Structures are given as C-alpha cells and as structure tokens.
Amino acid sequence: MGALTKEDVKEIIDEAIENKVKDFYINREEHYQHHQFVKSFIELMQTSRKTAMRVIIGSATVAVIGLVVAGFWGRIRAFMGG
C-alpha cells in the first residue's frame, strides 16, 4: 500500500460524510408536498373553526330570541286570561 493521493483522501472523506449524513437526507419534492398538505390542513381547520363559531353564535342567538318570544307569549296569554 502506497501513500495516499489527494484524490484518495478526498474520496475517503466524501464516503465518510455521505455515510454520516444519509439519515438526514430530505427529498425536496416530498418535503414540499408535506408542506402543502400541512398548509391545506391549517386552512381547513381555520375554516372549520369559523364555521363552528358561526353555528354556535347563531344557535345561541336563536335560543335567546326564542326565550324572549316565549316569555312575551306567556305574558300575553296571562294578560288575556288564558
């Protein structure tokens, strides 16, 4: 075995680095697709939250109006003697 050349050293170092970092390799297209999925999921959750709040507020409003109408209806019936 003779002395190592600069190319031999470079090749050995490249192999060592490749072996160490291969677990950290990220497929760019797959990574981008994951970000797109997360983005669409966040948008869906924001839309769902807005819709849920509208339904809750709308239901509470209808319930309050219903109670007010029922109260007035009961007073009118009591006033009319019924």
PDB file of N, CA and C in Angstrom:
ATOM      1  N   MET A   1       0.851  -1.166   0.000  1.00  0.00           N
ATOM      2  CA  MET A   1       0.000   0.000   0.000  1.00  0.00           C
ATOM      3  C   MET A   1       0.900   1.233   0.000  1.00  0.00           C
ATOM      4  N   GLY A   2       0.663   2.097  -0.953  1.00  0.00           N
ATOM      5  CA  GLY A   2       1.488   3.281  -1.077  1.00  0.00           C
ATOM      6  C   GLY A   2       0.887   4.465  -0.357  1.00  0.00           C
ATOM      7  N   ALA A   3       1.463   5.605  -0.565  1.00  0.00           N
ATOM      8  CA  ALA A   3       0.976   6.842   0.049  1.00  0.00           C
ATOM      9  C   ALA A   3      -0.352   7.236  -0.600  1.00  0.00           C
ATOM     10  N   LEU A   4      -1.193   7.817   0.200  1.00  0.00           N
ATOM     11  CA  LEU A   4      -2.495   8.251  -0.310  1.00  0.00           C
ATOM     12  C   LEU A   4      -2.345   9.545  -1.106  1.00  0.00           C
ATOM     13  N   THR A   5      -3.031   9.567  -2.208  1.00  0.00           N
ATOM     14  CA  THR A   5      -3.022  10.795  -3.009  1.00  0.00           C
ATOM     15  C   THR A   5      -4.129  11.713  -2.515  1.00  0.00           C
ATOM     16  N   LYS A   6      -4.090  12.916  -3.016  1.00  0.00           N
ATOM     17  CA  LYS A   6      -5.115  13.892  -2.640  1.00  0.00           C
ATOM     18  C   LYS A   6      -6.505  13.397  -3.054  1.00  0.00           C
ATOM     19  N   GLU A   7      -6.612  12.753  -4.206  1.00  0.00           N
ATOM     20  CA  GLU A   7      -7.889  12.194  -4.682  1.00  0.00           C
ATOM     21  C   GLU A   7      -8.369  11.068  -3.772  1.00  0.00           C
ATOM     22  N   ASP A   8      -7.428  10.210  -3.301  1.00  0.00           N
ATOM     23  CA  ASP A   8      -7.792   9.123  -2.387  1.00  0.00           C
ATOM     24  C   ASP A   8      -8.358   9.679  -1.083  1.00  0.00           C
ATOM     25  N   VAL A   9      -7.717  10.679  -0.545  1.00  0.00           N
ATOM     26  CA  VAL A   9      -8.171  11.301   0.709  1.00  0.00           C
ATOM     27  C   VAL A   9      -9.538  11.934   0.511  1.00  0.00           C
ATOM     28  N   LYS A  10      -9.688  12.636  -0.615  1.00  0.00           N
ATOM     29  CA  LYS A  10     -10.977  13.283  -0.912  1.00  0.00           C
ATOM     30  C   LYS A  10     -12.082  12.232  -1.011  1.00  0.00           C
ATOM     31  N   GLU A  11     -11.816  11.128  -1.680  1.00  0.00           N
ATOM     32  CA  GLU A  11     -12.810  10.065  -1.834  1.00  0.00           C
ATOM     33  C   GLU A  11     -13.173   9.448  -0.483  1.00  0.00           C
ATOM     34  N   ILE A  12     -12.181   9.218   0.353  1.00  0.00           N
ATOM     35  CA  ILE A  12     -12.420   8.637   1.688  1.00  0.00           C
ATOM     36  C   ILE A  12     -13.274   9.590   2.526  1.00  0.00           C
ATOM     37  N   ILE A  13     -12.930  10.861   2.498  1.00  0.00           N
ATOM     38  CA  ILE A  13     -13.690  11.858   3.268  1.00  0.00           C
ATOM     39  C   ILE A  13     -15.116  11.971   2.739  1.00  0.00           C
ATOM     40  N   ASP A  14     -15.280  11.997   1.409  1.00  0.00           N
ATOM     41  CA  ASP A  14     -16.618  12.070   0.821  1.00  0.00           C
ATOM     42  C   ASP A  14     -17.478  10.884   1.245  1.00  0.00           C
ATOM     43  N   GLU A  15     -16.911   9.690   1.246  1.00  0.00           N
ATOM     44  CA  GLU A  15     -17.647   8.492   1.670  1.00  0.00           C
ATOM     45  C   GLU A  15     -18.040   8.589   3.142  1.00  0.00           C
ATOM     46  N   ALA A  16     -17.110   9.050   3.974  1.00  0.00           N
ATOM     47  CA  ALA A  16     -17.393   9.164   5.408  1.00  0.00           C
ATOM     48  C   ALA A  16     -18.518  10.166   5.655  1.00  0.00           C
ATOM     49  N   ILE A  17     -18.460  11.304   4.967  1.00  0.00           N
ATOM     50  CA  ILE A  17     -19.506  12.321   5.140  1.00  0.00           C
ATOM     51  C   ILE A  17     -20.841  11.783   4.641  1.00  0.00           C
ATOM     52  N   GLU A  18     -20.824  11.117   3.492  1.00  0.00           N
ATOM     53  CA  GLU A  18     -22.059  10.565   2.928  1.00  0.00           C
ATOM     54  C   GLU A  18     -22.694   9.554   3.876  1.00  0.00           C
ATOM     55  N   ASN A  19     -21.874   8.718   4.498  1.00  0.00           N
ATOM     56  CA  ASN A  19     -22.388   7.725   5.446  1.00  0.00           C
ATOM     57  C   ASN A  19     -22.993   8.385   6.681  1.00  0.00           C
ATOM     58  N   LYS A  20     -22.402   9.499   7.121  1.00  0.00           N
ATOM     59  CA  LYS A  20     -22.907  10.180   8.313  1.00  0.00           C
ATOM     60  C   LYS A  20     -24.197  10.943   8.038  1.00  0.00           C
ATOM     61  N   VAL A  21     -24.320  11.560   6.868  1.00  0.00           N
ATOM     62  CA  VAL A  21     -25.454  12.449   6.612  1.00  0.00           C
ATOM     63  C   VAL A  21     -26.598  11.783   5.853  1.00  0.00           C
ATOM     64  N   LYS A  22     -26.458  10.543   5.432  1.00  0.00           N
ATOM     65  CA  LYS A  22     -27.514   9.915   4.633  1.00  0.00           C
ATOM     66  C   LYS A  22     -28.841   9.810   5.409  1.00  0.00           C
ATOM     67  N   ASP A  23     -28.788   9.710   6.729  1.00  0.00           N
ATOM     68  CA  ASP A  23     -30.017   9.655   7.530  1.00  0.00           C
ATOM     69  C   ASP A  23     -30.744  10.990   7.549  1.00  0.00           C
ATOM     70  N   PHE A  24     -30.037  12.055   7.223  1.00  0.00           N
ATOM     71  CA  PHE A  24     -30.625  13.383   7.261  1.00  0.00           C
ATOM     72  C   PHE A  24     -31.046  13.877   5.877  1.00  0.00           C
ATOM     73  N   TYR A  25     -30.956  13.017   4.873  1.00  0.00           N
ATOM     74  CA  TYR A  25     -31.318  13.406   3.508  1.00  0.00           C
ATOM     75  C   TYR A  25     -32.813  13.686   3.433  1.00  0.00           C
ATOM     76  N   ILE A  26     -33.164  14.764   2.769  1.00  0.00           N
ATOM     77  CA  ILE A  26     -34.572  15.141   2.609  1.00  0.00           C
ATOM     78  C   ILE A  26     -34.885  15.203   1.123  1.00  0.00           C
ATOM     79  N   ASN A  27     -35.864  14.437   0.723  1.00  0.00           N
ATOM     80  CA  ASN A  27     -36.337  14.502  -0.653  1.00  0.00           C
ATOM     81  C   ASN A  27     -37.111  15.808  -0.804  1.00  0.00           C
ATOM     82  N   ARG A  28     -36.610  16.687  -1.632  1.00  0.00           N
ATOM     83  CA  ARG A  28     -37.186  18.034  -1.722  1.00  0.00           C
ATOM     84  C   ARG A  28     -38.636  18.023  -2.170  1.00  0.00           C
ATOM     85  N   GLU A  29     -38.975  17.212  -3.148  1.00  0.00           N
ATOM     86  CA  GLU A  29     -40.353  17.179  -3.658  1.00  0.00           C
ATOM     87  C   GLU A  29     -41.308  16.648  -2.585  1.00  0.00           C
ATOM     88  N   GLU A  30     -40.910  15.590  -1.918  1.00  0.00           N
ATOM     89  CA  GLU A  30     -41.745  15.022  -0.856  1.00  0.00           C
ATOM     90  C   GLU A  30     -41.904  16.027   0.288  1.00  0.00           C
ATOM     91  N   HIS A  31     -40.825  16.697   0.628  1.00  0.00           N
ATOM     92  CA  HIS A  31     -40.859  17.708   1.691  1.00  0.00           C
ATOM     93  C   HIS A  31     -41.822  18.839   1.317  1.00  0.00           C
ATOM     94  N   TYR A  32     -41.756  19.274   0.067  1.00  0.00           N
ATOM     95  CA  TYR A  32     -42.658  20.324  -0.428  1.00  0.00           C
ATOM     96  C   TYR A  32     -44.117  19.858  -0.354  1.00  0.00           C
ATOM     97  N   GLN A  33     -44.372  18.620  -0.749  1.00  0.00           N
ATOM     98  CA  GLN A  33     -45.735  18.071  -0.694  1.00  0.00           C
ATOM     99  C   GLN A  33     -46.241  18.021   0.749  1.00  0.00           C
ATOM    100  N   HIS A  34     -45.372  17.696   1.691  1.00  0.00           N
ATOM    101  CA  HIS A  34     -45.768  17.682   3.101  1.00  0.00           C
ATOM    102  C   HIS A  34     -46.168  19.086   3.556  1.00  0.00           C
ATOM    103  N   HIS A  35     -45.397  20.079   3.139  1.00  0.00           N
ATOM    104  CA  HIS A  35     -45.733  21.460   3.489  1.00  0.00           C
ATOM    105  C   HIS A  35     -47.069  21.872   2.879  1.00  0.00           C
ATOM    106  N   GLN A  36     -47.328  21.449   1.652  1.00  0.00           N
ATOM    107  CA  GLN A  36     -48.601  21.769   1.006  1.00  0.00           C
ATOM    108  C   GLN A  36     -49.759  21.124   1.777  1.00  0.00           C
ATOM    109  N   PHE A  37     -49.566  19.877   2.223  1.00  0.00           N
ATOM    110  CA  PHE A  37     -50.606  19.187   2.993  1.00  0.00           C
ATOM    111  C   PHE A  37     -50.859  19.910   4.309  1.00  0.00           C
ATOM    112  N   VAL A  38     -49.792  20.271   5.006  1.00  0.00           N
ATOM    113  CA  VAL A  38     -49.942  20.968   6.289  1.00  0.00           C
ATOM    114  C   VAL A  38     -50.653  22.305   6.074  1.00  0.00           C
ATOM    115  N   LYS A  39     -50.278  23.010   5.018  1.00  0.00           N
ATOM    116  CA  LYS A  39     -50.917  24.288   4.710  1.00  0.00           C
ATOM    117  C   LYS A  39     -52.411  24.106   4.459  1.00  0.00           C
ATOM    118  N   SER A  40     -52.788  23.115   3.662  1.00  0.00           N
ATOM    119  CA  SER A  40     -54.209  22.889   3.382  1.00  0.00           C
ATOM    120  C   SER A  40     -54.952  22.436   4.638  1.00  0.00           C
ATOM    121  N   PHE A  41     -54.287  21.659   5.500  1.00  0.00           N
ATOM    122  CA  PHE A  41     -54.908  21.211   6.744  1.00  0.00           C
ATOM    123  C   PHE A  41     -55.172  22.397   7.675  1.00  0.00           C
ATOM    124  N   ILE A  42     -54.203  23.302   7.764  1.00  0.00           N
ATOM    125  CA  ILE A  42     -54.376  24.503   8.599  1.00  0.00           C
ATOM    126  C   ILE A  42     -55.523  25.354   8.069  1.00  0.00           C
ATOM    127  N   GLU A  43     -55.589  25.531   6.747  1.00  0.00           N
ATOM    128  CA  GLU A  43     -56.684  26.306   6.154  1.00  0.00           C
ATOM    129  C   GLU A  43     -58.031  25.656   6.437  1.00  0.00           C
ATOM    130  N   LEU A  44     -58.091  24.321   6.351  1.00  0.00           N
ATOM    131  CA  LEU A  44     -59.324  23.599   6.650  1.00  0.00           C
ATOM    132  C   LEU A  44     -59.739  23.809   8.106  1.00  0.00           C
ATOM    133  N   MET A  45     -58.781  23.736   9.028  1.00  0.00           N
ATOM    134  CA  MET A  45     -59.088  23.925  10.445  1.00  0.00           C
ATOM    135  C   MET A  45     -59.564  25.347  10.725  1.00  0.00           C
ATOM    136  N   GLN A  46     -58.965  26.337  10.074  1.00  0.00           N
ATOM    137  CA  GLN A  46     -59.397  27.723  10.262  1.00  0.00           C
ATOM    138  C   GLN A  46     -60.816  27.913   9.740  1.00  0.00           C
ATOM    139  N   THR A  47     -61.115  27.336   8.590  1.00  0.00           N
ATOM    140  CA  THR A  47     -62.463  27.427   8.024  1.00  0.00           C
ATOM    141  C   THR A  47     -63.464  26.713   8.930  1.00  0.00           C
ATOM    142  N   SER A  48     -63.088  25.547   9.414  1.00  0.00           N
ATOM    143  CA  SER A  48     -63.973  24.779  10.298  1.00  0.00           C
ATOM    144  C   SER A  48     -64.233  25.545  11.584  1.00  0.00           C
ATOM    145  N   ARG A  49     -63.199  26.189  12.117  1.00  0.00           N
ATOM    146  CA  ARG A  49     -63.361  26.950  13.358  1.00  0.00           C
ATOM    147  C   ARG A  49     -64.311  28.121  13.138  1.00  0.00           C
ATOM    148  N   LYS A  50     -64.149  28.816  12.017  1.00  0.00           N
ATOM    149  CA  LYS A  50     -65.044  29.939  11.708  1.00  0.00           C
ATOM    150  C   LYS A  50     -66.479  29.454  11.565  1.00  0.00           C
ATOM    151  N   THR A  51     -66.657  28.347  10.860  1.00  0.00           N
ATOM    152  CA  THR A  51     -68.000  27.794  10.665  1.00  0.00           C
ATOM    153  C   THR A  51     -68.602  27.366  11.999  1.00  0.00           C
ATOM    154  N   ALA A  52     -67.818  26.709  12.828  1.00  0.00           N
ATOM    155  CA  ALA A  52     -68.314  26.264  14.132  1.00  0.00           C
ATOM    156  C   ALA A  52     -68.714  27.461  14.997  1.00  0.00           C
ATOM    157  N   MET A  53     -67.919  28.512  14.986  1.00  0.00           N
ATOM    158  CA  MET A  53     -68.261  29.703  15.772  1.00  0.00           C
ATOM    159  C   MET A  53     -69.540  30.345  15.260  1.00  0.00           C
ATOM    160  N   ARG A  54     -69.709  30.395  13.945  1.00  0.00           N
ATOM    161  CA  ARG A  54     -70.942  30.956  13.382  1.00  0.00           C
ATOM    162  C   ARG A  54     -72.154  30.132  13.807  1.00  0.00           C
ATOM    163  N   VAL A  55     -72.016  28.817  13.781  1.00  0.00           N
ATOM    164  CA  VAL A  55     -73.129  27.947  14.177  1.00  0.00           C
ATOM    165  C   VAL A  55     -73.436  28.135  15.664  1.00  0.00           C
ATOM    166  N   ILE A  56     -72.415  28.191  16.494  1.00  0.00           N
ATOM    167  CA  ILE A  56     -72.627  28.358  17.940  1.00  0.00           C
ATOM    168  C   ILE A  56     -73.279  29.707  18.225  1.00  0.00           C
ATOM    169  N   ILE A  57     -72.756  30.758  17.637  1.00  0.00           N
ATOM    170  CA  ILE A  57     -73.319  32.093  17.871  1.00  0.00           C
ATOM    171  C   ILE A  57     -74.724  32.181  17.307  1.00  0.00           C
ATOM    172  N   GLY A  58     -74.943  31.618  16.123  1.00  0.00           N
ATOM    173  CA  GLY A  58     -76.285  31.619  15.535  1.00  0.00           C
ATOM    174  C   GLY A  58     -77.277  30.850  16.387  1.00  0.00           C
ATOM    175  N   SER A  59     -76.876  29.697  16.892  1.00  0.00           N
ATOM    176  CA  SER A  59     -77.759  28.885  17.743  1.00  0.00           C
ATOM    177  C   SER A  59     -78.081  29.620  19.044  1.00  0.00           C
ATOM    178  N   ALA A  60     -77.087  30.247  19.639  1.00  0.00           N
ATOM    179  CA  ALA A  60     -77.327  30.990  20.879  1.00  0.00           C
ATOM    180  C   ALA A  60     -78.274  32.165  20.619  1.00  0.00           C
ATOM    181  N   THR A  61     -78.101  32.846  19.502  1.00  0.00           N
ATOM    182  CA  THR A  61     -78.974  33.973  19.160  1.00  0.00           C
ATOM    183  C   THR A  61     -80.411  33.506  18.976  1.00  0.00           C
ATOM    184  N   VAL A  62     -80.588  32.414  18.235  1.00  0.00           N
ATOM    185  CA  VAL A  62     -81.939  31.873  18.025  1.00  0.00           C
ATOM    186  C   VAL A  62     -82.546  31.435  19.357  1.00  0.00           C
ATOM    187  N   ALA A  63     -81.742  30.834  20.225  1.00  0.00           N
ATOM    188  CA  ALA A  63     -82.255  30.401  21.530  1.00  0.00           C
ATOM    189  C   ALA A  63     -82.695  31.593  22.366  1.00  0.00           C
ATOM    190  N   VAL A  64     -81.918  32.664  22.377  1.00  0.00           N
ATOM    191  CA  VAL A  64     -82.289  33.861  23.144  1.00  0.00           C
ATOM    192  C   VAL A  64     -83.562  34.472  22.578  1.00  0.00           C
ATOM    193  N   ILE A  65     -83.621  34.586  21.258  1.00  0.00           N
ATOM    194  CA  ILE A  65     -84.837  35.140  20.631  1.00  0.00           C
ATOM    195  C   ILE A  65     -86.032  34.256  20.955  1.00  0.00           C
ATOM    196  N   GLY A  66     -85.846  32.946  20.904  1.00  0.00           N
ATOM    197  CA  GLY A  66     -86.933  32.015  21.248  1.00  0.00           C
ATOM    198  C   GLY A  66     -87.399  32.189  22.681  1.00  0.00           C
ATOM    199  N   LEU A  67     -86.467  32.370  23.607  1.00  0.00           N
ATOM    200  CA  LEU A  67     -86.844  32.568  25.009  1.00  0.00           C
ATOM    201  C   LEU A  67     -87.579  33.893  25.201  1.00  0.00           C
ATOM    202  N   VAL A  68     -87.120  34.930  24.512  1.00  0.00           N
ATOM    203  CA  VAL A  68     -87.797  36.230  24.609  1.00  0.00           C
ATOM    204  C   VAL A  68     -89.217  36.124  24.064  1.00  0.00           C
ATOM    205  N   VAL A  69     -89.364  35.500  22.904  1.00  0.00           N
ATOM    206  CA  VAL A  69     -90.701  35.341  22.304  1.00  0.00           C
ATOM    207  C   VAL A  69     -91.582  34.491  23.206  1.00  0.00           C
ATOM    208  N   ALA A  70     -91.050  33.406  23.750  1.00  0.00           N
ATOM    209  CA  ALA A  70     -91.841  32.550  24.638  1.00  0.00           C
ATOM    210  C   ALA A  70     -92.257  33.317  25.893  1.00  0.00           C
ATOM    211  N   GLY A  71     -91.354  34.147  26.409  1.00  0.00           N
ATOM    212  CA  GLY A  71     -91.698  34.941  27.594  1.00  0.00           C
ATOM    213  C   GLY A  71     -92.801  35.934  27.294  1.00  0.00           C
ATOM    214  N   PHE A  72     -92.689  36.630  26.171  1.00  0.00           N
ATOM    215  CA  PHE A  72     -93.747  37.568  25.793  1.00  0.00           C
ATOM    216  C   PHE A  72     -95.053  36.831  25.521  1.00  0.00           C
ATOM    217  N   TRP A  73     -94.963  35.691  24.877  1.00  0.00           N
ATOM    218  CA  TRP A  73     -96.177  34.916  24.583  1.00  0.00           C
ATOM    219  C   TRP A  73     -96.851  34.494  25.891  1.00  0.00           C
ATOM    220  N   GLY A  74     -96.050  34.078  26.867  1.00  0.00           N
ATOM    221  CA  GLY A  74     -96.615  33.687  28.160  1.00  0.00           C
ATOM    222  C   GLY A  74     -97.247  34.877  28.862  1.00  0.00           C
ATOM    223  N   ARG A  75     -96.641  36.056  28.797  1.00  0.00           N
ATOM    224  CA  ARG A  75     -97.218  37.257  29.429  1.00  0.00           C
ATOM    225  C   ARG A  75     -98.513  37.647  28.730  1.00  0.00           C
ATOM    226  N   ILE A  76     -98.532  37.565  27.405  1.00  0.00           N
ATOM    227  CA  ILE A  76     -99.732  37.936  26.663  1.00  0.00           C
ATOM    228  C   ILE A  76    -100.866  36.981  27.019  1.00  0.00           C
ATOM    229  N   ARG A  77    -100.558  35.708  27.092  1.00  0.00           N
ATOM    230  CA  ARG A  77    -101.609  34.725  27.439  1.00  0.00           C
ATOM    231  C   ARG A  77    -102.096  34.961  28.867  1.00  0.00           C
ATOM    232  N   ALA A  78    -101.179  35.285  29.787  1.00  0.00           N
ATOM    233  CA  ALA A  78    -101.567  35.546  31.179  1.00  0.00           C
ATOM    234  C   ALA A  78    -102.405  36.822  31.248  1.00  0.00           C
ATOM    235  N   PHE A  79    -102.030  37.825  30.476  1.00  0.00           N
ATOM    236  CA  PHE A  79    -102.753  39.103  30.463  1.00  0.00           C
ATOM    237  C   PHE A  79    -104.154  38.921  29.889  1.00  0.00           C
ATOM    238  N   MET A  80    -104.247  38.049  28.882  1.00  0.00           N
ATOM    239  CA  MET A  80    -105.537  37.826  28.226  1.00  0.00           C
ATOM    240  C   MET A  80    -106.412  36.878  29.036  1.00  0.00           C
ATOM    241  N   GLY A  81    -105.862  36.318  30.081  1.00  0.00           N
ATOM    242  CA  GLY A  81    -106.637  35.447  30.941  1.00  0.00           C
ATOM    243  C   GLY A  81    -106.670  34.013  30.490  1.00  0.00           C
ATOM    244  N   GLY A  82    -105.748  33.637  29.626  1.00  0.00           N
ATOM    245  CA  GLY A  82    -105.807  32.313  29.042  1.00  0.00           C
ATOM    246  C   GLY A  82    -104.908  31.367  29.645  1.00  0.00           C
TER     247      GLY A  82
END
